């Protein structure tokens, strides 16, 4: 049996096509891995909430030494002591009298406190200070915001401001728990008149 030239051409065309397809698949796989790694790095290196921007510290009159210490000592609004849910973070200072809390730092949307947890919505909650009273409002988040009252967490009604006090324990989403450190009395002290 002899091979014709047409049959010889088919013998080389099939392996050559398979090699070309394998090369295309390899390039496609490399491209997917690079783009996935780039996206992963962006998510894991989300900006951390600043305690006070540098220009503000420089603008404080009479600030000769550490602007951060002088500013926070004179105008401290409060902090959140992290109890659970945020690895490596023990305390978050309030950046302003009113600010948003969300999954990603976004000054354009007033989200100045970023809590990196999957159960935190992009616009999760809003904290505000009015006449030395402190209020927290859930912004219709997916997993809610709740306050520990009488040994159980009670969910905040989305869109409705709830007054909060010093030592209140707040749960954002499913896992992030913080204790508020605010100027003024605790919830128990304010109800005892």
N, C-alpha and C. Protein backbone atom coordinates (compact mmCIF):
# COMPACT_ATOMS: atom_id res chain seq x y z
N UNK A 1 0.84 -1.16 0.00
CA UNK A 1 0.00 0.00 0.00
C UNK A 1 0.89 1.23 0.00
N UNK A 2 0.60 2.14 -0.87
CA UNK A 2 1.38 3.37 -0.99
C UNK A 2 0.53 4.55 -0.54
N UNK A 3 1.22 5.52 -0.01
CA UNK A 3 0.54 6.73 0.48
C UNK A 3 0.54 7.78 -0.62
N UNK A 4 -0.59 8.36 -0.81
CA UNK A 4 -0.67 9.43 -1.79
C UNK A 4 -0.25 10.73 -1.10
N UNK A 5 0.02 11.72 -1.86
CA UNK A 5 0.44 13.01 -1.29
C UNK A 5 -0.67 13.64 -0.46
N UNK A 6 -1.93 13.41 -0.84
CA UNK A 6 -3.04 13.94 -0.06
C UNK A 6 -3.10 13.30 1.32
N UNK A 7 -2.89 12.01 1.40
CA UNK A 7 -2.90 11.33 2.68
C UNK A 7 -1.72 11.76 3.54
N UNK A 8 -0.58 12.01 2.98
CA UNK A 8 0.59 12.48 3.73
C UNK A 8 0.33 13.87 4.31
N UNK A 9 -0.36 14.71 3.57
CA UNK A 9 -0.69 16.05 4.07
C UNK A 9 -1.59 15.97 5.30
N UNK A 10 -2.55 15.08 5.29
CA UNK A 10 -3.46 14.93 6.44
C UNK A 10 -2.72 14.43 7.68
N UNK A 11 -1.73 13.61 7.49
CA UNK A 11 -0.97 13.09 8.63
C UNK A 11 -0.30 14.24 9.37
N UNK A 12 0.21 15.25 8.70
CA UNK A 12 0.89 16.39 9.34
C UNK A 12 -0.07 17.50 9.77
N UNK A 13 -1.19 17.63 9.12
CA UNK A 13 -2.14 18.70 9.45
C UNK A 13 -2.77 18.47 10.82
N UNK A 14 -3.15 17.27 11.14
CA UNK A 14 -3.83 16.99 12.41
C UNK A 14 -2.91 17.29 13.61
N UNK A 15 -1.68 16.78 13.66
CA UNK A 15 -0.82 17.11 14.81
C UNK A 15 -0.48 18.61 14.88
N UNK A 16 -0.28 19.24 13.74
CA UNK A 16 0.04 20.67 13.72
C UNK A 16 -1.13 21.48 14.28
N UNK A 17 -2.35 21.10 13.94
CA UNK A 17 -3.53 21.79 14.47
C UNK A 17 -3.63 21.60 15.97
N UNK A 18 -3.37 20.43 16.47
CA UNK A 18 -3.42 20.16 17.90
C UNK A 18 -2.35 20.98 18.65
N UNK A 19 -1.18 21.12 18.10
CA UNK A 19 -0.12 21.92 18.73
C UNK A 19 -0.54 23.39 18.77
N UNK A 20 -1.09 23.92 17.70
CA UNK A 20 -1.55 25.31 17.67
C UNK A 20 -2.65 25.53 18.71
N UNK A 21 -3.60 24.62 18.82
CA UNK A 21 -4.66 24.74 19.83
C UNK A 21 -4.09 24.70 21.25
N UNK A 22 -3.11 23.85 21.48
CA UNK A 22 -2.49 23.77 22.81
C UNK A 22 -1.79 25.08 23.16
N UNK A 23 -1.15 25.70 22.19
CA UNK A 23 -0.47 26.99 22.43
C UNK A 23 -1.50 28.06 22.76
N UNK A 24 -2.61 28.11 22.02
CA UNK A 24 -3.66 29.08 22.31
C UNK A 24 -4.24 28.87 23.71
N UNK A 25 -4.47 27.63 24.10
CA UNK A 25 -4.99 27.35 25.44
C UNK A 25 -4.01 27.78 26.52
N UNK A 26 -2.74 27.56 26.30
CA UNK A 26 -1.72 27.97 27.26
C UNK A 26 -1.73 29.49 27.44
N UNK A 27 -1.76 30.25 26.35
CA UNK A 27 -1.82 31.71 26.44
C UNK A 27 -3.10 32.18 27.13
N UNK A 28 -4.21 31.53 26.83
CA UNK A 28 -5.48 31.88 27.46
C UNK A 28 -5.41 31.63 28.97
N UNK A 29 -4.87 30.51 29.37
CA UNK A 29 -4.73 30.18 30.79
C UNK A 29 -3.82 31.18 31.51
N UNK A 30 -2.72 31.57 30.90
CA UNK A 30 -1.81 32.55 31.49
C UNK A 30 -2.51 33.90 31.64
N UNK A 31 -3.26 34.32 30.64
CA UNK A 31 -3.99 35.59 30.69
C UNK A 31 -5.03 35.57 31.81
N UNK A 32 -5.78 34.50 31.94
CA UNK A 32 -6.77 34.39 33.01
C UNK A 32 -6.13 34.46 34.39
N UNK A 33 -5.02 33.76 34.58
CA UNK A 33 -4.35 33.77 35.88
C UNK A 33 -3.80 35.14 36.22
N UNK A 34 -3.25 35.84 35.25
CA UNK A 34 -2.74 37.19 35.51
C UNK A 34 -3.86 38.14 35.90
N UNK A 35 -4.97 38.10 35.18
CA UNK A 35 -6.07 39.01 35.51
C UNK A 35 -6.71 38.63 36.84
N UNK A 36 -6.79 37.35 37.17
CA UNK A 36 -7.35 36.93 38.46
C UNK A 36 -6.44 37.36 39.60
N UNK A 37 -5.13 37.25 39.43
CA UNK A 37 -4.19 37.67 40.47
C UNK A 37 -4.24 39.18 40.67
N UNK A 38 -4.36 39.93 39.58
CA UNK A 38 -4.46 41.38 39.69
C UNK A 38 -5.71 41.77 40.47
N UNK A 39 -6.84 41.15 40.18
CA UNK A 39 -8.08 41.44 40.90
C UNK A 39 -7.99 41.05 42.36
N UNK A 40 -7.31 39.91 42.65
CA UNK A 40 -7.17 39.46 44.03
C UNK A 40 -6.31 40.44 44.83
N UNK A 41 -5.24 40.93 44.23
CA UNK A 41 -4.39 41.89 44.93
C UNK A 41 -5.16 43.16 45.24
N UNK A 42 -6.00 43.62 44.33
CA UNK A 42 -6.76 44.84 44.58
C UNK A 42 -7.74 44.64 45.72
N UNK A 43 -8.39 43.48 45.79
CA UNK A 43 -9.35 43.25 46.87
C UNK A 43 -8.64 43.14 48.21
N UNK A 44 -7.51 42.44 48.26
CA UNK A 44 -6.86 42.22 49.54
C UNK A 44 -6.13 43.46 50.03
N UNK A 45 -5.79 44.38 49.14
CA UNK A 45 -5.09 45.58 49.58
C UNK A 45 -6.01 46.80 49.54
N UNK A 46 -7.25 46.60 49.97
CA UNK A 46 -8.20 47.71 50.03
C UNK A 46 -7.67 48.76 51.00
N UNK A 47 -7.90 50.03 50.71
CA UNK A 47 -7.37 51.08 51.56
C UNK A 47 -7.89 50.95 52.99
N UNK A 48 -7.02 51.26 53.91
CA UNK A 48 -7.38 51.23 55.32
C UNK A 48 -7.82 52.63 55.72
N UNK A 49 -8.82 52.70 56.57
CA UNK A 49 -9.35 53.99 57.00
C UNK A 49 -8.27 54.80 57.70
N UNK A 50 -8.02 56.03 57.26
CA UNK A 50 -7.06 56.86 57.97
C UNK A 50 -7.68 57.39 59.26
N UNK A 51 -6.86 57.52 60.31
CA UNK A 51 -7.38 58.08 61.54
C UNK A 51 -7.52 59.58 61.41
N UNK A 52 -6.63 60.23 60.69
CA UNK A 52 -6.76 61.65 60.43
C UNK A 52 -5.87 62.00 59.23
N UNK A 53 -6.41 62.63 58.20
CA UNK A 53 -5.59 62.98 57.05
C UNK A 53 -4.47 63.94 57.43
N UNK A 54 -3.33 63.82 56.78
CA UNK A 54 -2.16 64.65 57.06
C UNK A 54 -2.44 66.14 56.92
N UNK A 55 -3.16 66.62 55.88
CA UNK A 55 -3.41 68.06 55.77
C UNK A 55 -4.18 68.64 56.96
N UNK A 56 -5.06 67.84 57.56
CA UNK A 56 -5.83 68.33 58.71
C UNK A 56 -4.89 68.56 59.88
N UNK A 57 -3.95 67.64 60.12
CA UNK A 57 -3.02 67.79 61.23
C UNK A 57 -2.18 69.04 61.06
N UNK A 58 -1.76 69.33 59.83
CA UNK A 58 -0.93 70.50 59.58
C UNK A 58 -1.72 71.79 59.75
N UNK A 59 -3.03 71.75 59.56
CA UNK A 59 -3.84 72.96 59.61
C UNK A 59 -4.28 73.35 61.02
N UNK A 60 -3.99 72.52 62.02
CA UNK A 60 -4.41 72.82 63.38
C UNK A 60 -3.50 73.90 63.96
N UNK A 61 -4.05 75.03 64.41
CA UNK A 61 -3.22 76.09 64.96
C UNK A 61 -2.49 75.63 66.21
N UNK A 62 -1.25 76.04 66.34
CA UNK A 62 -0.45 75.71 67.52
C UNK A 62 0.05 74.28 67.54
N UNK A 63 -0.04 73.61 66.43
CA UNK A 63 0.39 72.22 66.37
C UNK A 63 1.89 72.19 66.09
N UNK A 64 2.69 71.96 67.13
CA UNK A 64 4.14 71.99 66.99
C UNK A 64 4.72 70.60 66.91
N UNK A 65 4.13 69.65 67.61
CA UNK A 65 4.71 68.30 67.65
C UNK A 65 3.87 67.36 66.81
N UNK A 66 3.33 66.37 67.42
CA UNK A 66 2.54 65.38 66.68
C UNK A 66 1.11 65.86 66.53
N UNK A 67 0.73 66.23 65.34
CA UNK A 67 -0.62 66.71 65.08
C UNK A 67 -1.67 65.66 65.40
N UNK A 68 -1.33 64.39 65.20
CA UNK A 68 -2.30 63.34 65.47
C UNK A 68 -2.64 63.30 66.96
N UNK A 69 -1.64 63.36 67.82
CA UNK A 69 -1.90 63.28 69.26
C UNK A 69 -2.65 64.51 69.75
N UNK A 70 -2.22 65.72 69.35
CA UNK A 70 -2.87 66.94 69.81
C UNK A 70 -4.33 66.98 69.35
N UNK A 71 -4.56 66.64 68.09
CA UNK A 71 -5.91 66.69 67.54
C UNK A 71 -6.83 65.70 68.25
N UNK A 72 -6.37 64.47 68.39
CA UNK A 72 -7.25 63.46 68.99
C UNK A 72 -7.47 63.74 70.47
N UNK A 73 -6.52 64.30 71.17
CA UNK A 73 -6.71 64.59 72.58
C UNK A 73 -7.75 65.70 72.77
N UNK A 74 -7.76 66.70 71.88
CA UNK A 74 -8.69 67.82 72.04
C UNK A 74 -10.06 67.56 71.45
N UNK A 75 -10.13 66.78 70.39
CA UNK A 75 -11.39 66.63 69.65
C UNK A 75 -11.83 65.19 69.48
N UNK A 76 -11.42 64.30 70.35
CA UNK A 76 -11.75 62.90 70.16
C UNK A 76 -13.26 62.68 70.25
N UNK A 77 -13.85 62.15 69.21
CA UNK A 77 -15.28 61.87 69.17
C UNK A 77 -15.56 60.47 69.69
N UNK A 78 -14.66 59.57 69.48
CA UNK A 78 -14.87 58.21 69.93
C UNK A 78 -14.06 57.21 69.14
N UNK A 79 -14.15 55.98 69.57
CA UNK A 79 -13.47 54.88 68.89
C UNK A 79 -14.36 53.65 68.93
N UNK A 80 -14.00 52.69 68.09
CA UNK A 80 -14.63 51.38 68.13
C UNK A 80 -13.54 50.38 68.50
N UNK A 81 -13.72 49.71 69.61
CA UNK A 81 -12.80 48.66 70.03
C UNK A 81 -13.26 47.37 69.36
N UNK A 82 -12.41 46.80 68.52
CA UNK A 82 -12.79 45.61 67.76
C UNK A 82 -12.75 44.39 68.68
N UNK A 83 -13.88 43.70 68.80
CA UNK A 83 -13.98 42.50 69.64
C UNK A 83 -13.82 41.22 68.82
N UNK A 84 -14.41 41.20 67.61
CA UNK A 84 -14.35 40.01 66.74
C UNK A 84 -14.46 40.43 65.28
N UNK A 85 -13.89 39.59 64.41
CA UNK A 85 -14.16 39.70 62.99
C UNK A 85 -13.16 40.43 62.12
N UNK A 86 -12.23 41.19 62.70
CA UNK A 86 -11.23 41.90 61.90
C UNK A 86 -9.84 41.53 62.39
N UNK A 87 -9.17 40.69 61.63
CA UNK A 87 -7.84 40.23 62.01
C UNK A 87 -6.84 41.38 62.03
N UNK A 88 -6.08 41.49 63.10
CA UNK A 88 -5.01 42.48 63.17
C UNK A 88 -5.47 43.90 63.46
N UNK A 89 -6.75 44.13 63.72
CA UNK A 89 -7.25 45.47 64.02
C UNK A 89 -7.84 45.43 65.42
N UNK A 90 -7.36 46.31 66.30
CA UNK A 90 -7.89 46.31 67.66
C UNK A 90 -8.76 47.52 67.94
N UNK A 91 -8.53 48.62 67.23
CA UNK A 91 -9.29 49.84 67.49
C UNK A 91 -9.41 50.66 66.20
N UNK A 92 -10.58 51.29 66.03
CA UNK A 92 -10.80 52.17 64.89
C UNK A 92 -11.26 53.51 65.45
N UNK A 93 -10.52 54.56 65.15
CA UNK A 93 -10.90 55.90 65.60
C UNK A 93 -11.91 56.50 64.65
N UNK A 94 -12.82 57.28 65.20
CA UNK A 94 -13.81 57.95 64.37
C UNK A 94 -13.12 59.06 63.60
N UNK A 95 -13.22 59.06 62.28
CA UNK A 95 -12.52 60.06 61.48
C UNK A 95 -13.19 61.44 61.52
N UNK A 96 -14.49 61.48 61.70
CA UNK A 96 -15.26 62.73 61.69
C UNK A 96 -16.49 62.55 62.57
N UNK A 97 -17.20 63.63 62.87
CA UNK A 97 -18.43 63.48 63.65
C UNK A 97 -19.50 62.65 62.94
N UNK A 98 -19.53 62.68 61.61
CA UNK A 98 -20.47 61.87 60.83
C UNK A 98 -19.69 61.16 59.74
N UNK A 99 -19.93 59.85 59.60
CA UNK A 99 -19.20 59.08 58.59
C UNK A 99 -19.94 57.80 58.28
N UNK A 100 -19.66 57.26 57.11
CA UNK A 100 -20.25 56.00 56.70
C UNK A 100 -19.31 54.85 57.00
N UNK A 101 -19.91 53.68 57.17
CA UNK A 101 -19.17 52.45 57.40
C UNK A 101 -19.53 51.50 56.27
N UNK A 102 -18.52 50.91 55.65
CA UNK A 102 -18.77 50.00 54.54
C UNK A 102 -17.63 49.03 54.36
N UNK A 103 -17.70 48.26 53.30
CA UNK A 103 -16.67 47.25 53.06
C UNK A 103 -15.40 47.87 52.47
N UNK A 104 -15.56 48.95 51.71
CA UNK A 104 -14.42 49.58 51.07
C UNK A 104 -14.38 51.07 51.40
N UNK A 105 -13.21 51.60 51.60
CA UNK A 105 -13.02 53.02 51.86
C UNK A 105 -13.38 53.81 50.61
N UNK A 106 -14.29 54.78 50.73
CA UNK A 106 -14.74 55.57 49.59
C UNK A 106 -15.14 56.97 50.06
N UNK A 107 -14.20 57.92 50.11
CA UNK A 107 -14.53 59.26 50.59
C UNK A 107 -15.61 59.95 49.76
N UNK A 108 -15.71 59.63 48.48
CA UNK A 108 -16.75 60.24 47.63
C UNK A 108 -18.15 59.89 48.13
N UNK A 109 -18.31 58.72 48.73
CA UNK A 109 -19.61 58.29 49.25
C UNK A 109 -19.67 58.43 50.77
N UNK A 110 -18.72 59.14 51.36
CA UNK A 110 -18.61 59.35 52.81
C UNK A 110 -18.37 58.06 53.58
N UNK A 111 -17.89 57.01 52.93
CA UNK A 111 -17.52 55.77 53.61
C UNK A 111 -16.08 55.94 54.07
N UNK A 112 -15.91 56.31 55.35
CA UNK A 112 -14.59 56.62 55.88
C UNK A 112 -14.06 55.52 56.80
N UNK A 113 -14.88 54.53 57.11
CA UNK A 113 -14.45 53.38 57.90
C UNK A 113 -14.71 52.14 57.06
N UNK A 114 -13.63 51.42 56.74
CA UNK A 114 -13.74 50.21 55.93
C UNK A 114 -13.57 48.99 56.83
N UNK A 115 -14.55 48.09 56.79
CA UNK A 115 -14.51 46.85 57.54
C UNK A 115 -14.40 45.71 56.52
N UNK A 116 -13.24 45.12 56.42
CA UNK A 116 -12.98 44.12 55.39
C UNK A 116 -13.52 42.76 55.82
N UNK A 117 -14.80 42.55 55.55
CA UNK A 117 -15.46 41.28 55.86
C UNK A 117 -16.53 41.06 54.80
N UNK A 118 -16.71 39.82 54.39
CA UNK A 118 -17.67 39.52 53.32
C UNK A 118 -19.11 39.87 53.66
N UNK A 119 -19.45 39.90 54.93
CA UNK A 119 -20.84 40.18 55.31
C UNK A 119 -21.11 41.68 55.45
N UNK A 120 -20.12 42.51 55.17
CA UNK A 120 -20.29 43.96 55.23
C UNK A 120 -20.65 44.47 53.84
N UNK A 121 -21.70 45.26 53.75
CA UNK A 121 -22.13 45.83 52.47
C UNK A 121 -21.25 47.02 52.10
N UNK A 122 -21.28 47.41 50.83
CA UNK A 122 -20.50 48.58 50.40
C UNK A 122 -20.89 49.82 51.19
N UNK A 123 -22.17 50.03 51.38
CA UNK A 123 -22.71 51.12 52.22
C UNK A 123 -23.50 50.44 53.32
N UNK A 124 -22.84 50.15 54.41
CA UNK A 124 -23.44 49.30 55.44
C UNK A 124 -24.21 50.11 56.49
N UNK A 125 -23.55 51.09 57.09
CA UNK A 125 -24.18 51.85 58.18
C UNK A 125 -23.66 53.28 58.15
N UNK A 126 -24.35 54.16 58.89
CA UNK A 126 -23.93 55.56 58.97
C UNK A 126 -23.95 55.98 60.43
N UNK A 127 -22.86 56.58 60.86
CA UNK A 127 -22.71 57.04 62.25
C UNK A 127 -22.73 58.56 62.24
N UNK A 128 -23.46 59.17 63.17
CA UNK A 128 -23.51 60.62 63.23
C UNK A 128 -23.55 61.10 64.67
N UNK A 129 -23.07 62.32 64.87
CA UNK A 129 -23.08 62.97 66.18
C UNK A 129 -23.93 64.22 66.07
N UNK A 130 -24.89 64.36 66.97
CA UNK A 130 -25.75 65.54 66.99
C UNK A 130 -25.89 66.01 68.43
N UNK A 131 -25.44 67.23 68.72
CA UNK A 131 -25.55 67.81 70.07
C UNK A 131 -25.02 66.86 71.15
N UNK A 132 -23.83 66.33 70.93
CA UNK A 132 -23.17 65.41 71.87
C UNK A 132 -23.95 64.12 72.11
N UNK A 133 -24.84 63.77 71.21
CA UNK A 133 -25.50 62.48 71.23
C UNK A 133 -25.06 61.72 69.98
N UNK A 134 -24.98 60.41 70.10
CA UNK A 134 -24.45 59.60 69.02
C UNK A 134 -25.55 58.70 68.46
N UNK A 135 -25.59 58.60 67.12
CA UNK A 135 -26.63 57.83 66.45
C UNK A 135 -26.00 56.91 65.40
N UNK A 136 -26.62 55.76 65.22
CA UNK A 136 -26.19 54.80 64.22
C UNK A 136 -27.40 54.41 63.39
N UNK A 137 -27.21 54.30 62.07
CA UNK A 137 -28.31 53.95 61.17
C UNK A 137 -27.82 52.88 60.19
N UNK A 138 -28.58 51.80 60.07
CA UNK A 138 -28.28 50.78 59.07
C UNK A 138 -28.73 51.31 57.72
N UNK A 139 -27.89 51.16 56.70
CA UNK A 139 -28.18 51.69 55.36
C UNK A 139 -28.76 50.60 54.46
N UNK A 140 -29.68 49.81 55.00
CA UNK A 140 -30.30 48.72 54.25
C UNK A 140 -29.25 47.71 53.79
N UNK A 141 -28.37 47.36 54.71
CA UNK A 141 -27.29 46.42 54.40
C UNK A 141 -27.84 45.00 54.24
N UNK A 142 -27.07 44.16 53.57
CA UNK A 142 -27.52 42.79 53.31
C UNK A 142 -27.66 41.96 54.58
N UNK A 143 -26.70 42.09 55.50
CA UNK A 143 -26.71 41.25 56.70
C UNK A 143 -27.02 42.04 57.97
N UNK A 144 -27.34 43.31 57.86
CA UNK A 144 -27.83 44.08 58.98
C UNK A 144 -26.80 44.58 59.97
N UNK A 145 -27.29 45.43 60.85
CA UNK A 145 -26.53 46.00 61.95
C UNK A 145 -27.37 45.81 63.20
N UNK A 146 -26.74 45.40 64.30
CA UNK A 146 -27.52 45.16 65.52
C UNK A 146 -26.76 45.63 66.75
N UNK A 147 -27.52 45.90 67.81
CA UNK A 147 -26.98 46.37 69.08
C UNK A 147 -27.28 45.33 70.14
N UNK A 148 -26.30 45.05 71.00
CA UNK A 148 -26.50 44.11 72.09
C UNK A 148 -27.30 44.78 73.19
N UNK A 149 -28.52 44.29 73.42
CA UNK A 149 -29.39 44.82 74.47
C UNK A 149 -29.97 43.64 75.24
N UNK A 150 -29.85 43.67 76.54
CA UNK A 150 -30.37 42.60 77.40
C UNK A 150 -29.90 41.23 76.93
N UNK A 151 -28.63 41.12 76.68
CA UNK A 151 -27.92 39.88 76.31
C UNK A 151 -28.31 39.27 74.96
N UNK A 152 -29.05 40.00 74.11
CA UNK A 152 -29.32 39.54 72.74
C UNK A 152 -29.12 40.71 71.78
N UNK A 153 -28.73 40.37 70.58
CA UNK A 153 -28.55 41.39 69.55
C UNK A 153 -29.89 41.73 68.93
N UNK A 154 -30.22 43.02 68.94
CA UNK A 154 -31.46 43.49 68.32
C UNK A 154 -31.10 44.25 67.05
N UNK A 155 -31.73 43.86 65.94
CA UNK A 155 -31.44 44.46 64.64
C UNK A 155 -31.96 45.89 64.58
N UNK A 156 -31.17 46.75 63.94
CA UNK A 156 -31.62 48.12 63.68
C UNK A 156 -32.58 48.09 62.49
N UNK A 157 -33.57 48.96 62.52
CA UNK A 157 -34.49 49.09 61.40
C UNK A 157 -33.76 49.90 60.32
N UNK A 158 -33.62 49.35 59.11
CA UNK A 158 -32.90 50.07 58.06
C UNK A 158 -33.49 51.46 57.82
N UNK A 159 -32.60 52.46 57.73
CA UNK A 159 -33.02 53.84 57.46
C UNK A 159 -33.47 54.61 58.68
N UNK A 160 -33.51 53.98 59.84
CA UNK A 160 -33.97 54.65 61.06
C UNK A 160 -32.79 54.82 62.02
N UNK A 161 -32.59 56.06 62.50
CA UNK A 161 -31.49 56.34 63.43
C UNK A 161 -31.79 55.75 64.80
N UNK A 162 -30.77 55.14 65.39
CA UNK A 162 -30.88 54.59 66.74
C UNK A 162 -29.77 55.22 67.59
N UNK A 163 -30.15 55.75 68.74
CA UNK A 163 -29.15 56.35 69.62
C UNK A 163 -28.27 55.26 70.22
N UNK A 164 -26.96 55.52 70.24
CA UNK A 164 -26.00 54.58 70.83
C UNK A 164 -25.25 55.28 71.95
N UNK A 165 -24.72 54.49 72.86
CA UNK A 165 -24.08 55.00 74.06
C UNK A 165 -22.70 54.39 74.23
N UNK A 166 -21.93 54.97 75.14
CA UNK A 166 -20.63 54.43 75.51
C UNK A 166 -20.81 52.99 75.98
N UNK A 167 -19.91 52.12 75.58
CA UNK A 167 -19.88 50.70 75.94
C UNK A 167 -20.91 49.84 75.20
N UNK A 168 -21.71 50.40 74.30
CA UNK A 168 -22.61 49.57 73.50
C UNK A 168 -21.80 48.63 72.62
N UNK A 169 -22.27 47.39 72.48
CA UNK A 169 -21.63 46.43 71.58
C UNK A 169 -22.48 46.36 70.32
N UNK A 170 -21.83 46.60 69.18
CA UNK A 170 -22.50 46.64 67.88
C UNK A 170 -21.99 45.48 67.03
N UNK A 171 -22.89 44.83 66.30
CA UNK A 171 -22.49 43.80 65.35
C UNK A 171 -22.83 44.31 63.95
N UNK A 172 -21.81 44.38 63.10
CA UNK A 172 -21.98 44.75 61.70
C UNK A 172 -21.92 43.46 60.89
N UNK A 173 -22.94 43.17 60.11
CA UNK A 173 -22.95 41.95 59.31
C UNK A 173 -23.06 40.73 60.21
N UNK A 174 -22.37 39.66 59.82
CA UNK A 174 -22.45 38.41 60.57
C UNK A 174 -21.37 38.28 61.63
N UNK A 175 -20.19 38.90 61.42
CA UNK A 175 -19.07 38.55 62.29
C UNK A 175 -18.36 39.72 62.96
N UNK A 176 -18.49 40.93 62.46
CA UNK A 176 -17.72 42.05 63.02
C UNK A 176 -18.45 42.61 64.24
N UNK A 177 -17.79 42.49 65.40
CA UNK A 177 -18.36 43.02 66.64
C UNK A 177 -17.40 44.06 67.20
N UNK A 178 -17.97 45.21 67.62
CA UNK A 178 -17.16 46.29 68.20
C UNK A 178 -17.84 46.81 69.46
N UNK A 179 -17.03 47.37 70.33
CA UNK A 179 -17.54 48.07 71.51
C UNK A 179 -17.28 49.55 71.30
N UNK A 180 -18.32 50.36 71.41
CA UNK A 180 -18.19 51.79 71.22
C UNK A 180 -17.56 52.42 72.45
N UNK A 181 -16.59 53.29 72.23
CA UNK A 181 -15.97 54.08 73.29
C UNK A 181 -16.28 55.54 72.94
N UNK A 182 -17.33 56.06 73.59
CA UNK A 182 -17.84 57.39 73.26
C UNK A 182 -17.76 58.30 74.48
N UNK A 183 -17.74 59.59 74.21
CA UNK A 183 -17.84 60.55 75.31
C UNK A 183 -19.25 60.47 75.86
N UNK A 184 -19.39 60.53 77.17
CA UNK A 184 -20.72 60.47 77.77
C UNK A 184 -20.95 59.15 78.47
N UNK A 185 -22.17 58.98 78.95
CA UNK A 185 -22.52 57.83 79.77
C UNK A 185 -22.89 56.60 78.99
N UNK A 186 -23.07 55.53 79.73
CA UNK A 186 -23.50 54.27 79.13
C UNK A 186 -25.02 54.25 79.01
N UNK A 187 -25.53 53.23 78.33
CA UNK A 187 -26.97 53.08 78.16
C UNK A 187 -27.66 52.92 79.53
N UNK A 188 -27.07 52.15 80.43
CA UNK A 188 -27.67 51.93 81.75
C UNK A 188 -27.71 53.24 82.56
N UNK A 189 -26.65 54.04 82.45
CA UNK A 189 -26.62 55.31 83.19
C UNK A 189 -27.65 56.29 82.65
N UNK A 190 -27.87 56.31 81.36
CA UNK A 190 -28.81 57.27 80.78
C UNK A 190 -30.26 56.90 81.04
N UNK A 191 -30.53 55.63 81.28
CA UNK A 191 -31.92 55.25 81.57
C UNK A 191 -32.26 55.40 83.04
N UNK A 192 -31.24 55.58 83.89
CA UNK A 192 -31.48 55.78 85.33
C UNK A 192 -31.51 57.26 85.64
N UNK A 193 -32.63 57.88 85.58
CA UNK A 193 -32.75 59.31 85.85
C UNK A 193 -33.38 59.58 87.18
